[in-house]
């Protein structure tokens, strides 16, 4: 991680981890997983109350609303608890006392703090790798299947990079800042940005304007959320802040700031409001170990593919693309040239068996001296002929001929 500690650590309610996190990550914020706490609600409060009343319907918007200020959350929580007569519940008192550990209202100023509210990210990674692996596999098979999983992720990343570089999503509004966003953002982030653009066009209106020097304070009325948000805009530097703090939480400019920008003819997203992690050029920086040595994350196959692509470019530049009327001699000459280029760079390609691949992976060679032999075949239960019952044996014996009267 380049000696960088995480800004936020999300765990379950484990007493040991709660004690260890401040000692190990002294400058990180420790959060509890909201999903696990809310899953305990029916057991701690009572399933009858959660299933037969509107308690869960009323408490969920209060807990999961990321735009509430801490004071607003406390007042709304108290209103719901009193409405359902739950003031004496000990567990509800406990989770409210530790609200700074799990309620989003207390993480609104943490950069990208509300993007991760649960441990879903790690659980999703576990679910992905389980598609390739199971506990019945050997260590060698696990390593080979793990490489397959990583290769599929890299293939997906290359496919998405190609789509970002060679295609653009359709605009949804007249804002010129949207065109700039389509050039810098990846497709998923641009889709989220477009959602803010649509709402900025349709549901915004002015609630009030105050000017102090070069700073303007706009009270923007959000018709969808039925509340006003104050936007602070500097006319000289285009620095903007909004009370909803969407940019601080998600790294995307909110609809309220976009509405002000549109009115002030801001046609380009200022550089401080374009996070590098959301852009098309957000390639990984060079990773080094503790000794300063560059850690390569590219396997030999990827290097050979890049070199072969370069070879193809050189051949097409030299020979040119042949048409359908190329002679057999020209085709053979091109094939010969390709083979020479390939062998000069990658060497002769020899097919490997499965045993050879395992030997190359482990770095050892299988010995020809076999000291262990398979054991003699044992006669286990159920092998061979089935044991017959006494009744079956009696039926199989030759029957004596019955005497008959010859009258």
Protein backbone atom coordinates (compact mmCIF):
# COMPACT_ATOMS: atom_id res chain seq x y z
CA UNK A 1 0.00 0.00 0.00
CA UNK A 2 3.02 2.32 -0.29
CA UNK A 3 3.24 2.71 3.51
CA UNK A 4 -0.19 4.39 3.47
CA UNK A 5 -2.64 3.47 6.19
CA UNK A 6 -6.37 3.30 5.46
CA UNK A 7 -8.54 6.29 6.28
CA UNK A 8 -11.38 4.05 7.40
CA UNK A 9 -11.62 0.49 8.76
CA UNK A 10 -14.99 -1.33 8.73
CA UNK A 11 -15.48 -4.42 10.91
CA UNK A 12 -18.14 -6.28 12.85
CA UNK A 13 -18.78 -5.57 16.52
CA UNK A 14 -15.82 -7.57 17.78
CA UNK A 15 -14.39 -6.45 21.17
CA UNK A 16 -10.90 -7.66 20.25
CA UNK A 17 -10.81 -5.72 16.97
CA UNK A 18 -12.29 -2.68 18.70
CA UNK A 19 -9.34 -2.67 21.10
CA UNK A 20 -6.70 -3.47 18.47
CA UNK A 21 -7.66 -0.96 15.74
CA UNK A 22 -6.61 2.21 17.64
CA UNK A 23 -3.26 0.58 18.47
CA UNK A 24 -2.48 -0.56 14.90
CA UNK A 25 -4.23 2.11 12.80
CA UNK A 26 -3.78 5.15 15.00
CA UNK A 27 -4.91 7.67 12.36
CA UNK A 28 -7.76 5.62 10.87
CA UNK A 29 -11.47 5.89 11.62
CA UNK A 30 -13.00 2.64 12.90
CA UNK A 31 -16.59 2.00 11.79
CA UNK A 32 -19.05 -0.79 12.51
CA UNK A 33 -20.87 -2.58 9.71
CA UNK A 34 -24.37 -1.07 9.48
CA UNK A 35 -25.84 -4.16 7.85
CA UNK A 36 -24.85 -6.47 10.72
CA UNK A 37 -26.29 -4.09 13.30
CA UNK A 38 -29.59 -3.74 11.45
CA UNK A 39 -29.78 -7.53 11.06
CA UNK A 40 -29.83 -7.81 14.85
CA UNK A 41 -32.81 -5.47 15.14
CA UNK A 42 -35.61 -8.12 15.02
CA UNK A 43 -33.83 -10.34 17.56
CA UNK A 44 -33.02 -7.53 20.00
CA UNK A 45 -36.23 -5.52 19.67
CA UNK A 46 -38.71 -8.32 19.04
CA UNK A 47 -39.89 -9.98 15.85
CA UNK A 48 -43.51 -9.21 16.63
CA UNK A 49 -42.80 -5.48 16.77
CA UNK A 50 -40.70 -5.55 13.58
CA UNK A 51 -43.16 -7.66 11.60
CA UNK A 52 -46.53 -6.45 12.87
CA UNK A 53 -45.86 -2.70 13.23
CA UNK A 54 -44.36 0.12 11.13
CA UNK A 55 -41.26 0.30 13.34
CA UNK A 56 -38.76 -0.93 10.70
CA UNK A 57 -40.40 1.22 8.02
CA UNK A 58 -39.91 4.30 10.21
CA UNK A 59 -36.42 3.55 11.55
CA UNK A 60 -34.72 2.57 8.26
CA UNK A 61 -34.89 6.03 6.60
CA UNK A 62 -33.46 7.59 9.76
CA UNK A 63 -30.54 5.16 9.95
CA UNK A 64 -29.58 4.98 6.25
CA UNK A 65 -30.08 8.65 5.29
CA UNK A 66 -26.62 9.99 4.44
CA UNK A 67 -27.75 13.62 4.19
CA UNK A 68 -28.87 14.05 7.79
CA UNK A 69 -26.78 16.15 10.12
CA UNK A 70 -25.95 14.59 13.52
CA UNK A 71 -28.50 16.83 15.23
CA UNK A 72 -31.23 15.90 12.75
CA UNK A 73 -30.48 12.21 13.19
CA UNK A 74 -30.77 12.44 16.98
CA UNK A 75 -34.10 14.24 16.78
CA UNK A 76 -35.56 11.83 14.19
CA UNK A 77 -34.36 8.79 16.14
CA UNK A 78 -35.99 10.09 19.31
CA UNK A 79 -39.25 10.73 17.46
CA UNK A 80 -39.44 7.18 16.08
CA UNK A 81 -38.53 5.56 19.42
CA UNK A 82 -41.15 7.56 21.31
CA UNK A 83 -43.81 6.93 18.65
CA UNK A 84 -43.45 3.16 19.14
CA UNK A 85 -42.89 3.24 22.92
CA UNK A 86 -39.37 1.76 22.80
CA UNK A 87 -37.70 4.15 25.28
CA UNK A 88 -36.93 1.35 27.77
CA UNK A 89 -35.25 -1.05 25.33
CA UNK A 90 -31.64 -1.54 26.50
CA UNK A 91 -30.23 -2.55 23.13
CA UNK A 92 -31.66 0.51 21.39
CA UNK A 93 -30.09 2.68 24.08
CA UNK A 94 -26.75 0.96 23.49
CA UNK A 95 -26.68 1.36 19.68
CA UNK A 96 -27.72 5.01 20.06
CA UNK A 97 -24.86 5.56 22.54
CA UNK A 98 -22.35 4.24 19.96
CA UNK A 99 -23.99 6.06 17.03
CA UNK A 100 -20.66 7.76 16.17
CA UNK A 101 -19.38 4.29 15.20
CA UNK A 102 -21.98 3.32 12.59
CA UNK A 103 -24.43 6.08 11.63
CA UNK A 104 -23.57 7.81 8.27
CA UNK A 105 -24.49 11.22 9.68
CA UNK A 106 -21.23 11.15 11.68
CA UNK A 107 -19.05 10.30 8.66
CA UNK A 108 -20.21 13.00 6.23
CA UNK A 109 -16.89 14.87 6.45
CA UNK A 110 -14.78 11.74 5.89
CA UNK A 111 -13.56 11.62 2.25
CA UNK A 112 -15.48 8.83 0.49
CA UNK A 113 -16.58 7.66 3.95
CA UNK A 114 -20.14 6.81 2.95
CA UNK A 115 -19.15 4.73 -0.07
CA UNK A 116 -18.29 1.88 2.29
CA UNK A 117 -20.83 1.41 5.06
CA UNK A 118 -20.79 -2.39 5.26
CA UNK A 119 -18.32 -5.25 4.84
CA UNK A 120 -19.98 -6.13 1.53
CA UNK A 121 -16.82 -5.42 -0.48
CA UNK A 122 -14.77 -8.16 1.18
CA UNK A 123 -17.71 -10.57 1.14
CA UNK A 124 -18.19 -9.92 -2.58
CA UNK A 125 -14.53 -10.81 -3.17
CA UNK A 126 -14.98 -14.04 -1.25
CA UNK A 127 -18.05 -14.89 -3.33
CA UNK A 128 -16.14 -14.21 -6.56
CA UNK A 129 -13.24 -16.52 -5.75
CA UNK A 130 -15.60 -19.27 -4.54
CA UNK A 131 -16.80 -19.59 -8.13
CA UNK A 132 -13.35 -20.90 -9.07
CA UNK A 133 -12.30 -22.79 -5.95
CA UNK A 134 -13.52 -25.22 -3.30
CA UNK A 135 -11.97 -26.89 -0.27
CA UNK A 136 -11.73 -30.20 -2.14
CA UNK A 137 -8.86 -28.95 -4.32
CA UNK A 138 -5.15 -29.48 -3.74
CA UNK A 139 -2.74 -26.61 -3.17
CA UNK A 140 -1.44 -26.77 -6.75
CA UNK A 141 -4.96 -26.77 -8.18
CA UNK A 142 -5.86 -23.86 -5.94
CA UNK A 143 -2.93 -21.83 -7.28
CA UNK A 144 -3.83 -22.57 -10.91
CA UNK A 145 -7.50 -21.71 -10.37
CA UNK A 146 -6.55 -18.55 -8.49
CA UNK A 147 -4.52 -17.44 -11.51
CA UNK A 148 -7.56 -18.12 -13.70
CA UNK A 149 -9.71 -15.89 -11.47
CA UNK A 150 -7.15 -13.08 -11.58
CA UNK A 151 -6.85 -13.40 -15.36
CA UNK A 152 -10.62 -13.08 -15.72
CA UNK A 153 -10.58 -9.89 -13.63
CA UNK A 154 -7.79 -8.48 -15.78
CA UNK A 155 -9.71 -9.36 -18.93
CA UNK A 156 -12.79 -7.57 -17.60
CA UNK A 157 -10.65 -4.54 -16.73
CA UNK A 158 -9.14 -4.44 -20.24
CA UNK A 159 -12.60 -4.73 -21.81
CA UNK A 160 -13.91 -1.85 -19.70
CA UNK A 161 -10.82 0.25 -20.47
CA UNK A 162 -11.39 -0.34 -24.18
CA UNK A 163 -15.05 0.71 -23.88
CA UNK A 164 -14.06 3.88 -22.00
CA UNK A 165 -11.46 4.81 -24.60
CA UNK A 166 -13.46 4.16 -27.77
CA UNK A 167 -17.08 4.95 -26.90
CA UNK A 168 -19.09 7.72 -25.26
CA UNK A 169 -22.47 7.77 -23.56
CA UNK A 170 -25.25 9.96 -24.91
CA UNK A 171 -25.85 13.32 -23.24
CA UNK A 172 -29.08 13.85 -21.32
CA UNK A 173 -29.12 17.63 -20.83
CA UNK A 174 -28.04 21.00 -22.23
CA UNK A 175 -25.29 21.59 -19.66
CA UNK A 176 -21.91 22.01 -21.33
CA UNK A 177 -20.16 20.69 -18.24
CA UNK A 178 -21.65 17.31 -19.08
CA UNK A 179 -19.51 17.11 -22.24
CA UNK A 180 -16.35 17.64 -20.21
CA UNK A 181 -17.47 14.97 -17.75
CA UNK A 182 -17.95 12.46 -20.59
CA UNK A 183 -14.32 12.99 -21.63
CA UNK A 184 -12.73 12.46 -18.20
CA UNK A 185 -15.00 10.06 -16.29
CA UNK A 186 -15.40 6.34 -16.81
CA UNK A 187 -18.78 5.12 -18.01
CA UNK A 188 -20.16 4.01 -14.59
CA UNK A 189 -19.10 7.27 -12.91
CA UNK A 190 -20.39 9.33 -15.82
CA UNK A 191 -23.78 7.58 -15.46
CA UNK A 192 -23.89 8.70 -11.81
CA UNK A 193 -22.88 12.20 -12.89
CA UNK A 194 -25.69 12.23 -15.48
CA UNK A 195 -28.19 11.35 -12.77
CA UNK A 196 -27.19 14.52 -10.92
CA UNK A 197 -27.43 16.52 -14.18
CA UNK A 198 -31.01 15.31 -14.81
CA UNK A 199 -32.14 16.33 -11.35
CA UNK A 200 -30.33 19.67 -11.59
CA UNK A 201 -32.34 20.48 -14.72
CA UNK A 202 -35.76 19.35 -13.53
CA UNK A 203 -36.25 19.90 -9.80
CA UNK A 204 -34.08 22.85 -8.79
CA UNK A 205 -35.16 26.40 -8.09
CA UNK A 206 -33.76 29.41 -6.26
CA UNK A 207 -34.62 29.85 -2.62
CA UNK A 208 -32.40 32.83 -1.87
CA UNK A 209 -29.06 34.50 -2.69
CA UNK A 210 -26.59 36.26 -0.39
CA UNK A 211 -23.27 37.80 -1.48
CA UNK A 212 -20.27 38.46 0.77
CA UNK A 213 -17.38 39.80 -1.29
CA UNK A 214 -16.51 37.26 -3.99
CA UNK A 215 -18.46 34.47 -2.28
CA UNK A 216 -22.10 33.81 -3.11
CA UNK A 217 -24.44 31.77 -0.89
CA UNK A 218 -27.26 30.15 -2.85
CA UNK A 219 -30.21 28.52 -1.11
CA UNK A 220 -31.18 25.88 -3.67
CA UNK A 221 -34.56 24.23 -3.25
CA UNK A 222 -34.55 20.51 -4.05
CA UNK A 223 -38.07 19.54 -5.12
CA UNK A 224 -37.39 15.79 -4.92
CA UNK A 225 -36.08 15.86 -1.35
CA UNK A 226 -38.40 18.67 -0.25
CA UNK A 227 -35.68 20.67 1.44
CA UNK A 228 -33.18 23.45 0.72
CA UNK A 229 -29.40 23.16 0.54
CA UNK A 230 -26.97 26.04 0.87
CA UNK A 231 -24.30 26.21 -1.84
CA UNK A 232 -21.20 28.33 -1.30
CA UNK A 233 -19.67 29.53 -4.61
CA UNK A 234 -16.53 31.64 -5.11
CA UNK A 235 -16.87 33.69 -8.30
CA UNK A 236 -13.09 34.09 -8.70
CA UNK A 237 -11.83 30.53 -8.12
CA UNK A 238 -15.05 28.57 -8.81
CA UNK A 239 -14.58 26.86 -5.44
CA UNK A 240 -17.90 25.36 -4.39
CA UNK A 241 -19.31 23.68 -1.31
CA UNK A 242 -22.75 22.23 -0.67
CA UNK A 243 -24.51 21.32 2.55
CA UNK A 244 -25.44 17.88 1.17
CA UNK A 245 -21.68 17.04 0.98
CA UNK A 246 -22.12 14.58 -1.89
CA UNK A 247 -18.68 15.43 -3.25
CA UNK A 248 -17.04 14.77 0.12
CA UNK A 249 -18.91 11.46 0.49
CA UNK A 250 -18.80 10.07 -3.07
CA UNK A 251 -16.37 12.24 -5.00
CA UNK A 252 -19.04 13.41 -7.50
CA UNK A 253 -20.33 16.96 -7.81
CA UNK A 254 -23.91 17.20 -6.55
CA UNK A 255 -26.95 18.50 -8.44
CA UNK A 256 -27.10 21.66 -6.32
CA UNK A 257 -23.57 22.77 -7.27
CA UNK A 258 -24.26 21.86 -10.91
CA UNK A 259 -27.33 24.11 -10.86
CA UNK A 260 -25.21 27.03 -9.63
CA UNK A 261 -22.43 26.27 -12.15
CA UNK A 262 -24.93 26.26 -14.98
CA UNK A 263 -26.18 29.67 -13.97
CA UNK A 264 -22.63 31.04 -13.67
CA UNK A 265 -21.56 29.64 -17.07
CA UNK A 266 -19.04 27.15 -15.68
CA UNK A 267 -18.56 24.85 -18.68
CA UNK A 268 -15.68 22.76 -17.35
CA UNK A 269 -15.36 20.84 -14.08
CA UNK A 270 -12.60 22.50 -12.04
CA UNK A 271 -9.59 20.27 -11.49
CA UNK A 272 -10.05 19.94 -7.69
CA UNK A 273 -13.47 18.38 -8.33
CA UNK A 274 -12.23 15.63 -10.66
CA UNK A 275 -10.91 12.76 -8.56
CA UNK A 276 -8.20 10.78 -10.32
CA UNK A 277 -9.70 7.48 -9.18
CA UNK A 278 -12.86 8.10 -11.25
CA UNK A 279 -11.12 9.11 -14.48
CA UNK A 280 -10.30 7.10 -17.58
CA UNK A 281 -6.58 7.58 -16.98
CA UNK A 282 -6.60 6.23 -13.43
CA UNK A 283 -3.88 3.67 -14.09
CA UNK A 284 -2.08 2.09 -11.20
CA UNK A 285 1.03 3.94 -10.02
CA UNK A 286 4.32 2.09 -9.74
CA UNK A 287 4.30 -0.10 -6.63
CA UNK A 288 7.60 -0.53 -4.78
CA UNK A 289 8.59 -2.73 -1.86
CA UNK A 290 10.18 -1.50 1.36
CA UNK A 291 13.63 -1.53 -0.31
CA UNK A 292 12.47 0.68 -3.19
CA UNK A 293 12.44 -2.13 -5.76
CA UNK A 294 9.64 -2.00 -8.32
CA UNK A 295 7.14 -4.83 -7.88
CA UNK A 296 6.01 -6.02 -11.29
CA UNK A 297 2.40 -7.13 -11.49
CA UNK A 298 2.62 -8.34 -15.09
CA UNK A 299 3.24 -11.96 -15.88
CA UNK A 300 5.43 -13.22 -18.72
CA UNK A 301 2.45 -14.00 -20.93
CA UNK A 302 1.28 -10.37 -20.87
CA UNK A 303 4.76 -9.17 -21.85
CA UNK A 304 4.86 -11.59 -24.78
CA UNK A 305 1.43 -10.46 -25.93
CA UNK A 306 2.55 -6.82 -25.90
CA UNK A 307 5.69 -7.69 -27.84
CA UNK A 308 3.72 -9.68 -30.41
CA UNK A 309 1.35 -6.74 -30.86
CA UNK A 310 4.36 -4.53 -31.53
CA UNK A 311 5.68 -7.09 -34.06
CA UNK A 312 2.37 -7.06 -35.92
CA UNK A 313 2.50 -3.26 -36.15
CA UNK A 314 6.03 -3.39 -37.60
CA UNK A 315 5.07 -6.06 -40.15
CA UNK A 316 2.01 -4.19 -41.36
CA UNK A 317 4.02 -0.97 -41.60
CA UNK A 318 6.73 -2.74 -43.69
CA UNK A 319 4.81 -5.22 -45.83
CA UNK A 320 1.43 -3.55 -45.90
CA UNK A 321 -1.98 -5.13 -45.69
CA UNK A 322 -2.43 -7.60 -48.55
CA UNK A 323 -5.63 -7.70 -50.54
CA UNK A 324 -7.59 -10.79 -51.49
CA UNK A 325 -5.58 -11.18 -54.73
CA UNK A 326 -2.24 -11.78 -52.97
CA UNK A 327 -0.27 -14.65 -54.48
CA UNK A 328 0.54 -17.86 -52.68
CA UNK A 329 4.21 -16.89 -52.70
CA UNK A 330 3.45 -13.59 -50.97
CA UNK A 331 1.35 -15.34 -48.32
CA UNK A 332 4.10 -17.88 -47.63
CA UNK A 333 6.66 -15.09 -47.38
CA UNK A 334 4.47 -13.24 -44.88
CA UNK A 335 3.96 -16.41 -42.84
CA UNK A 336 7.72 -17.04 -42.81
CA UNK A 337 8.39 -13.48 -41.67
CA UNK A 338 5.86 -13.82 -38.87
CA UNK A 339 7.44 -17.06 -37.68
CA UNK A 340 10.90 -15.52 -37.61
CA UNK A 341 9.71 -12.48 -35.64
CA UNK A 342 7.86 -14.68 -33.18
CA UNK A 343 10.79 -17.02 -32.56
CA UNK A 344 13.23 -14.12 -32.16
CA UNK A 345 11.10 -12.62 -29.39
CA UNK A 346 9.33 -15.46 -27.67
CA UNK A 347 11.40 -18.43 -28.77
CA UNK A 348 9.96 -21.64 -30.18
CA UNK A 349 6.61 -22.43 -28.63
CA UNK A 350 6.50 -25.98 -27.34
CA UNK A 351 3.27 -27.42 -25.93
CA UNK A 352 3.49 -28.46 -22.29
CA UNK A 353 1.68 -31.27 -20.57
CA UNK A 354 -0.17 -30.83 -17.30
CA UNK A 355 2.67 -32.47 -15.36
CA UNK A 356 5.19 -30.09 -16.95
CA UNK A 357 3.09 -27.07 -16.01
CA UNK A 358 2.87 -28.28 -12.40
CA UNK A 359 6.65 -28.86 -12.32
CA UNK A 360 7.26 -25.35 -13.67
CA UNK A 361 4.87 -23.91 -11.08
CA UNK A 362 6.52 -25.71 -8.14
CA UNK A 363 10.06 -25.30 -9.45
CA UNK A 364 10.91 -29.00 -9.07
CA UNK A 365 11.20 -31.98 -11.37
CA UNK A 366 9.39 -35.24 -10.75
CA UNK A 367 11.76 -38.12 -9.99
CA UNK A 368 11.78 -41.26 -12.14
CA UNK A 369 12.66 -43.47 -9.17
CA UNK A 370 9.37 -44.69 -7.80
CA UNK A 371 9.70 -46.29 -4.38
CA UNK A 372 6.02 -46.39 -3.55
CA UNK A 373 3.81 -48.93 -5.23
CA UNK A 374 0.05 -49.16 -5.18
CA UNK A 375 -1.18 -51.71 -2.61
CA UNK A 376 -2.70 -55.01 -3.57
CA UNK A 377 -6.35 -54.88 -4.29
CA UNK A 378 -8.31 -55.54 -1.14
CA UNK A 379 -11.64 -57.31 -1.07
CA UNK A 380 -13.79 -54.64 0.51
CA UNK A 381 -17.36 -54.86 1.55
CA UNK A 382 -19.60 -55.11 -1.47
CA UNK A 383 -16.88 -56.23 -3.87
CA UNK A 384 -17.11 -59.58 -5.66
CA UNK A 385 -20.18 -61.75 -5.61
CA UNK A 386 -23.11 -60.96 -3.38
CA UNK A 387 -23.68 -63.22 -0.41
CA UNK A 388 -26.89 -65.18 -0.84
CA UNK A 389 -29.42 -65.87 1.84
CA UNK A 390 -30.36 -69.37 2.99
CA UNK A 391 -33.65 -69.12 1.17
CA UNK A 392 -31.91 -68.33 -2.12
CA UNK A 393 -29.49 -71.22 -1.57
CA UNK A 394 -32.37 -73.62 -0.98
CA UNK A 395 -34.09 -72.54 -4.16
CA UNK A 396 -30.94 -73.07 -6.21
CA UNK A 397 -30.51 -76.73 -5.07
CA UNK A 398 -31.93 -79.44 -7.41
CA UNK A 399 -35.34 -80.49 -6.29
CA UNK A 400 -36.06 -84.18 -5.61
CA UNK A 401 -38.56 -85.72 -7.94
CA UNK A 402 -41.85 -86.41 -6.24
CA UNK A 403 -43.18 -89.91 -6.27
CA UNK A 404 -46.36 -90.45 -8.24
CA UNK A 405 -48.96 -93.16 -8.10
CA UNK A 406 -48.88 -95.28 -11.30
CA UNK A 407 -52.49 -96.34 -11.20
